[in-house]
Amino acid sequence: MSRPMRIVRPATAFAAAPPKGKRRPRRLHQQHLKFIRSLPCCVCGSRKQVEGAHVRMASAIHGKRETGGAERPSDEWTVPLCRHHHQDDAQAQHRIGEEAFWELHGIDPFVLALALWCATGDEDRAEAVIAETRARAAR
């Protein structure tokens, strides 16, 4: 008769969330941020004063937890926005809030950020992602 097999869980299985007040470390990717700033604005297509806009909202489906206060999200959650759409306009992302901003423009920032993260370093591919995003938003 064979002995029953024992299942050994990895040490990371069922790992507890960080204690309250403790943040997960932000992952910095300076090359990706530089790449994002080289792309056209995902709302209007402008190449003037493009900034990396971090997505702070949460999405469990996309594996993105909410960040706020003094905590900035990891750099893979960044999309290109011109300064006008990011900060200056009356309906800029920082003025009306992320959720309202993305809904107003018909863009899913989670899908866009992940697609650009996968395309980092490949300008043609990233620009195609932005062009498709803008075309879908215009429909």
C-alpha atoms as a PDB file:
ATOM      1  CA  MET A   1       0.000   0.000   0.000  1.00  0.00           C
ATOM      2  CA  SER A   2       1.377   3.454  -0.902  1.00  0.00           C
ATOM      3  CA  ARG A   3       1.631   6.256   1.543  1.00  0.00           C
ATOM      4  CA  PRO A   4      -0.451   9.380   0.987  1.00  0.00           C
ATOM      5  CA  MET A   5       1.376  12.307  -0.598  1.00  0.00           C
ATOM      6  CA  ARG A   6       1.944  15.403   1.446  1.00  0.00           C
ATOM      7  CA  ILE A   7       1.334  18.742  -0.276  1.00  0.00           C
ATOM      8  CA  VAL A   8       3.839  21.375   0.734  1.00  0.00           C
ATOM      9  CA  ARG A   9       2.745  24.975   0.346  1.00  0.00           C
ATOM     10  CA  PRO A  10       5.286  27.578  -0.812  1.00  0.00           C
ATOM     11  CA  ALA A  11       6.249  30.097   1.853  1.00  0.00           C
ATOM     12  CA  THR A  12       4.455  32.842  -0.061  1.00  0.00           C
ATOM     13  CA  ALA A  13       1.093  31.037  -0.110  1.00  0.00           C
ATOM     14  CA  PHE A  14      -1.513  32.834   1.962  1.00  0.00           C
ATOM     15  CA  ALA A  15       1.012  35.535   2.831  1.00  0.00           C
ATOM     16  CA  ALA A  16      -0.539  38.193   4.985  1.00  0.00           C
ATOM     17  CA  ALA A  17      -1.042  41.679   3.672  1.00  0.00           C
ATOM     18  CA  PRO A  18       1.388  44.253   5.005  1.00  0.00           C
ATOM     19  CA  PRO A  19       0.423  45.545   8.450  1.00  0.00           C
ATOM     20  CA  LYS A  20      -1.721  48.663   8.479  1.00  0.00           C
ATOM     21  CA  GLY A  21       0.390  51.721   7.826  1.00  0.00           C
ATOM     22  CA  LYS A  22       3.064  49.663   6.024  1.00  0.00           C
ATOM     23  CA  ARG A  23       3.189  50.110   2.274  1.00  0.00           C
ATOM     24  CA  ARG A  24       4.436  47.736  -0.325  1.00  0.00           C
ATOM     25  CA  PRO A  25       7.556  49.184  -1.893  1.00  0.00           C
ATOM     26  CA  ARG A  26       7.031  51.136  -5.085  1.00  0.00           C
ATOM     27  CA  ARG A  27       8.756  49.648  -8.097  1.00  0.00           C
ATOM     28  CA  LEU A  28      10.692  52.332  -9.933  1.00  0.00           C
ATOM     29  CA  HIS A  29      11.336  52.062 -13.667  1.00  0.00           C
ATOM     30  CA  GLN A  30      13.040  55.245 -14.831  1.00  0.00           C
ATOM     31  CA  GLN A  31      13.524  53.916 -18.380  1.00  0.00           C
ATOM     32  CA  HIS A  32       9.797  53.178 -18.674  1.00  0.00           C
ATOM     33  CA  LEU A  33       8.891  56.675 -17.407  1.00  0.00           C
ATOM     34  CA  LYS A  34      11.265  58.217 -19.935  1.00  0.00           C
ATOM     35  CA  PHE A  35       9.654  56.067 -22.637  1.00  0.00           C
ATOM     36  CA  ILE A  36       6.114  57.124 -21.569  1.00  0.00           C
ATOM     37  CA  ARG A  37       7.107  60.817 -21.740  1.00  0.00           C
ATOM     38  CA  SER A  38       8.346  60.282 -25.327  1.00  0.00           C
ATOM     39  CA  LEU A  39       4.892  59.127 -26.498  1.00  0.00           C
ATOM     40  CA  PRO A  40       1.911  61.226 -27.628  1.00  0.00           C
ATOM     41  CA  CYS A  41      -0.820  62.165 -25.156  1.00  0.00           C
ATOM     42  CA  CYS A  42      -3.348  59.330 -25.018  1.00  0.00           C
ATOM     43  CA  VAL A  43      -6.249  61.824 -25.064  1.00  0.00           C
ATOM     44  CA  CYS A  44      -5.355  64.375 -27.758  1.00  0.00           C
ATOM     45  CA  GLY A  45      -2.227  63.010 -29.453  1.00  0.00           C
ATOM     46  CA  SER A  46      -0.097  66.066 -28.620  1.00  0.00           C
ATOM     47  CA  ARG A  47       3.633  65.561 -28.167  1.00  0.00           C
ATOM     48  CA  LYS A  48       4.114  68.837 -26.269  1.00  0.00           C
ATOM     49  CA  GLN A  49       4.849  68.669 -22.532  1.00  0.00           C
ATOM     50  CA  VAL A  50       3.903  65.001 -22.172  1.00  0.00           C
ATOM     51  CA  GLU A  51       4.025  63.763 -18.592  1.00  0.00           C
ATOM     52  CA  GLY A  52       3.785  60.328 -17.052  1.00  0.00           C
ATOM     53  CA  ALA A  53       0.402  60.158 -15.318  1.00  0.00           C
ATOM     54  CA  HIS A  54       0.297  57.473 -12.627  1.00  0.00           C
ATOM     55  CA  VAL A  55      -2.952  55.536 -12.277  1.00  0.00           C
ATOM     56  CA  ARG A  56      -3.828  55.563  -8.575  1.00  0.00           C
ATOM     57  CA  MET A  57      -7.263  53.914  -8.733  1.00  0.00           C
ATOM     58  CA  ALA A  58      -7.642  50.243  -7.894  1.00  0.00           C
ATOM     59  CA  SER A  59      -8.728  47.399 -10.147  1.00  0.00           C
ATOM     60  CA  ALA A  60      -8.726  43.860  -8.768  1.00  0.00           C
ATOM     61  CA  ILE A  61      -9.237  42.453 -12.278  1.00  0.00           C
ATOM     62  CA  HIS A  62      -6.010  44.093 -13.450  1.00  0.00           C
ATOM     63  CA  GLY A  63      -4.074  43.404 -10.254  1.00  0.00           C
ATOM     64  CA  LYS A  64      -3.841  47.076  -9.336  1.00  0.00           C
ATOM     65  CA  ARG A  65      -4.307  48.077  -5.721  1.00  0.00           C
ATOM     66  CA  GLU A  66      -5.332  51.588  -4.736  1.00  0.00           C
ATOM     67  CA  THR A  67      -2.668  54.048  -3.704  1.00  0.00           C
ATOM     68  CA  GLY A  68      -3.207  57.418  -2.184  1.00  0.00           C
ATOM     69  CA  GLY A  69      -1.931  60.037   0.176  1.00  0.00           C
ATOM     70  CA  ALA A  70       1.811  60.285  -0.115  1.00  0.00           C
ATOM     71  CA  GLU A  71       2.085  56.926  -1.860  1.00  0.00           C
ATOM     72  CA  ARG A  72       2.634  56.847  -5.615  1.00  0.00           C
ATOM     73  CA  PRO A  73       1.911  53.690  -7.630  1.00  0.00           C
ATOM     74  CA  SER A  74       4.645  51.654  -9.263  1.00  0.00           C
ATOM     75  CA  ASP A  75       5.810  53.063 -12.574  1.00  0.00           C
ATOM     76  CA  GLU A  76       4.269  50.335 -14.729  1.00  0.00           C
ATOM     77  CA  TRP A  77       0.901  51.997 -13.949  1.00  0.00           C
ATOM     78  CA  THR A  78       1.733  55.110 -15.982  1.00  0.00           C
ATOM     79  CA  VAL A  79       0.149  56.552 -19.121  1.00  0.00           C
ATOM     80  CA  PRO A  80       1.151  59.556 -21.258  1.00  0.00           C
ATOM     81  CA  LEU A  81      -0.863  62.751 -20.791  1.00  0.00           C
ATOM     82  CA  CYS A  82       0.030  66.220 -22.016  1.00  0.00           C
ATOM     83  CA  ARG A  83       0.275  68.814 -19.264  1.00  0.00           C
ATOM     84  CA  HIS A  84      -3.053  70.306 -20.430  1.00  0.00           C
ATOM     85  CA  HIS A  85      -4.955  67.048 -19.811  1.00  0.00           C
ATOM     86  CA  HIS A  86      -2.903  66.008 -16.793  1.00  0.00           C
ATOM     87  CA  GLN A  87      -2.963  69.212 -14.709  1.00  0.00           C
ATOM     88  CA  ASP A  88      -3.809  72.526 -16.385  1.00  0.00           C
ATOM     89  CA  ASP A  89      -7.255  72.229 -18.019  1.00  0.00           C
ATOM     90  CA  ALA A  90     -10.425  72.800 -15.985  1.00  0.00           C
ATOM     91  CA  GLN A  91     -11.278  69.147 -16.712  1.00  0.00           C
ATOM     92  CA  ALA A  92      -7.733  67.820 -16.237  1.00  0.00           C
ATOM     93  CA  GLN A  93      -7.150  64.513 -14.498  1.00  0.00           C
ATOM     94  CA  HIS A  94      -5.841  66.188 -11.335  1.00  0.00           C
ATOM     95  CA  ARG A  95      -8.756  68.638 -11.186  1.00  0.00           C
ATOM     96  CA  ILE A  96     -11.805  66.422 -11.707  1.00  0.00           C
ATOM     97  CA  GLY A  97     -10.418  63.159 -10.342  1.00  0.00           C
ATOM     98  CA  GLU A  98      -9.183  60.057 -12.074  1.00  0.00           C
ATOM     99  CA  GLU A  99     -12.413  58.124 -12.381  1.00  0.00           C
ATOM    100  CA  ALA A 100     -14.358  61.064 -13.824  1.00  0.00           C
ATOM    101  CA  PHE A 101     -11.483  61.981 -16.154  1.00  0.00           C
ATOM    102  CA  TRP A 102     -11.100  58.526 -17.691  1.00  0.00           C
ATOM    103  CA  GLU A 103     -14.861  58.088 -17.986  1.00  0.00           C
ATOM    104  CA  LEU A 104     -15.161  61.492 -19.699  1.00  0.00           C
ATOM    105  CA  HIS A 105     -12.606  60.431 -22.316  1.00  0.00           C
ATOM    106  CA  GLY A 106     -13.801  56.825 -22.686  1.00  0.00           C
ATOM    107  CA  ILE A 107     -10.394  55.317 -21.879  1.00  0.00           C
ATOM    108  CA  ASP A 108      -9.615  52.355 -19.635  1.00  0.00           C
ATOM    109  CA  PRO A 109      -6.364  53.475 -17.985  1.00  0.00           C
ATOM    110  CA  PHE A 110      -5.615  49.982 -16.615  1.00  0.00           C
ATOM    111  CA  VAL A 111      -5.665  48.329 -20.031  1.00  0.00           C
ATOM    112  CA  LEU A 112      -3.684  51.202 -21.530  1.00  0.00           C
ATOM    113  CA  ALA A 113      -1.019  51.171 -18.797  1.00  0.00           C
ATOM    114  CA  LEU A 114      -0.574  47.396 -19.025  1.00  0.00           C
ATOM    115  CA  ALA A 115      -0.369  47.493 -22.832  1.00  0.00           C
ATOM    116  CA  LEU A 116       2.247  50.259 -22.701  1.00  0.00           C
ATOM    117  CA  TRP A 117       4.190  48.386 -20.023  1.00  0.00           C
ATOM    118  CA  CYS A 118       4.298  45.357 -22.362  1.00  0.00           C
ATOM    119  CA  ALA A 119       5.396  47.613 -25.238  1.00  0.00           C
ATOM    120  CA  THR A 120       8.025  49.586 -23.341  1.00  0.00           C
ATOM    121  CA  GLY A 121      11.009  50.318 -25.551  1.00  0.00           C
ATOM    122  CA  ASP A 122       9.051  49.611 -28.761  1.00  0.00           C
ATOM    123  CA  GLU A 123       7.864  53.033 -29.923  1.00  0.00           C
ATOM    124  CA  ASP A 124       5.952  51.765 -32.969  1.00  0.00           C
ATOM    125  CA  ARG A 125       3.999  49.251 -30.901  1.00  0.00           C
ATOM    126  CA  ALA A 126       3.260  51.796 -28.152  1.00  0.00           C
ATOM    127  CA  GLU A 127       2.068  54.392 -30.646  1.00  0.00           C
ATOM    128  CA  ALA A 128      -0.222  51.779 -32.226  1.00  0.00           C
ATOM    129  CA  VAL A 129      -1.667  51.043 -28.764  1.00  0.00           C
ATOM    130  CA  ILE A 130      -2.317  54.752 -28.199  1.00  0.00           C
ATOM    131  CA  ALA A 131      -3.828  55.214 -31.678  1.00  0.00           C
ATOM    132  CA  GLU A 132      -6.191  52.259 -31.098  1.00  0.00           C
ATOM    133  CA  THR A 133      -7.106  53.574 -27.637  1.00  0.00           C
ATOM    134  CA  ARG A 134      -7.934  56.994 -29.061  1.00  0.00           C
ATOM    135  CA  ALA A 135      -9.925  55.481 -31.947  1.00  0.00           C
ATOM    136  CA  ARG A 136     -12.016  53.367 -29.549  1.00  0.00           C
ATOM    137  CA  ALA A 137     -12.631  56.376 -27.302  1.00  0.00           C
ATOM    138  CA  ALA A 138     -13.865  58.410 -30.289  1.00  0.00           C
ATOM    139  CA  ARG A 139     -16.556  55.848 -31.145  1.00  0.00           C
END
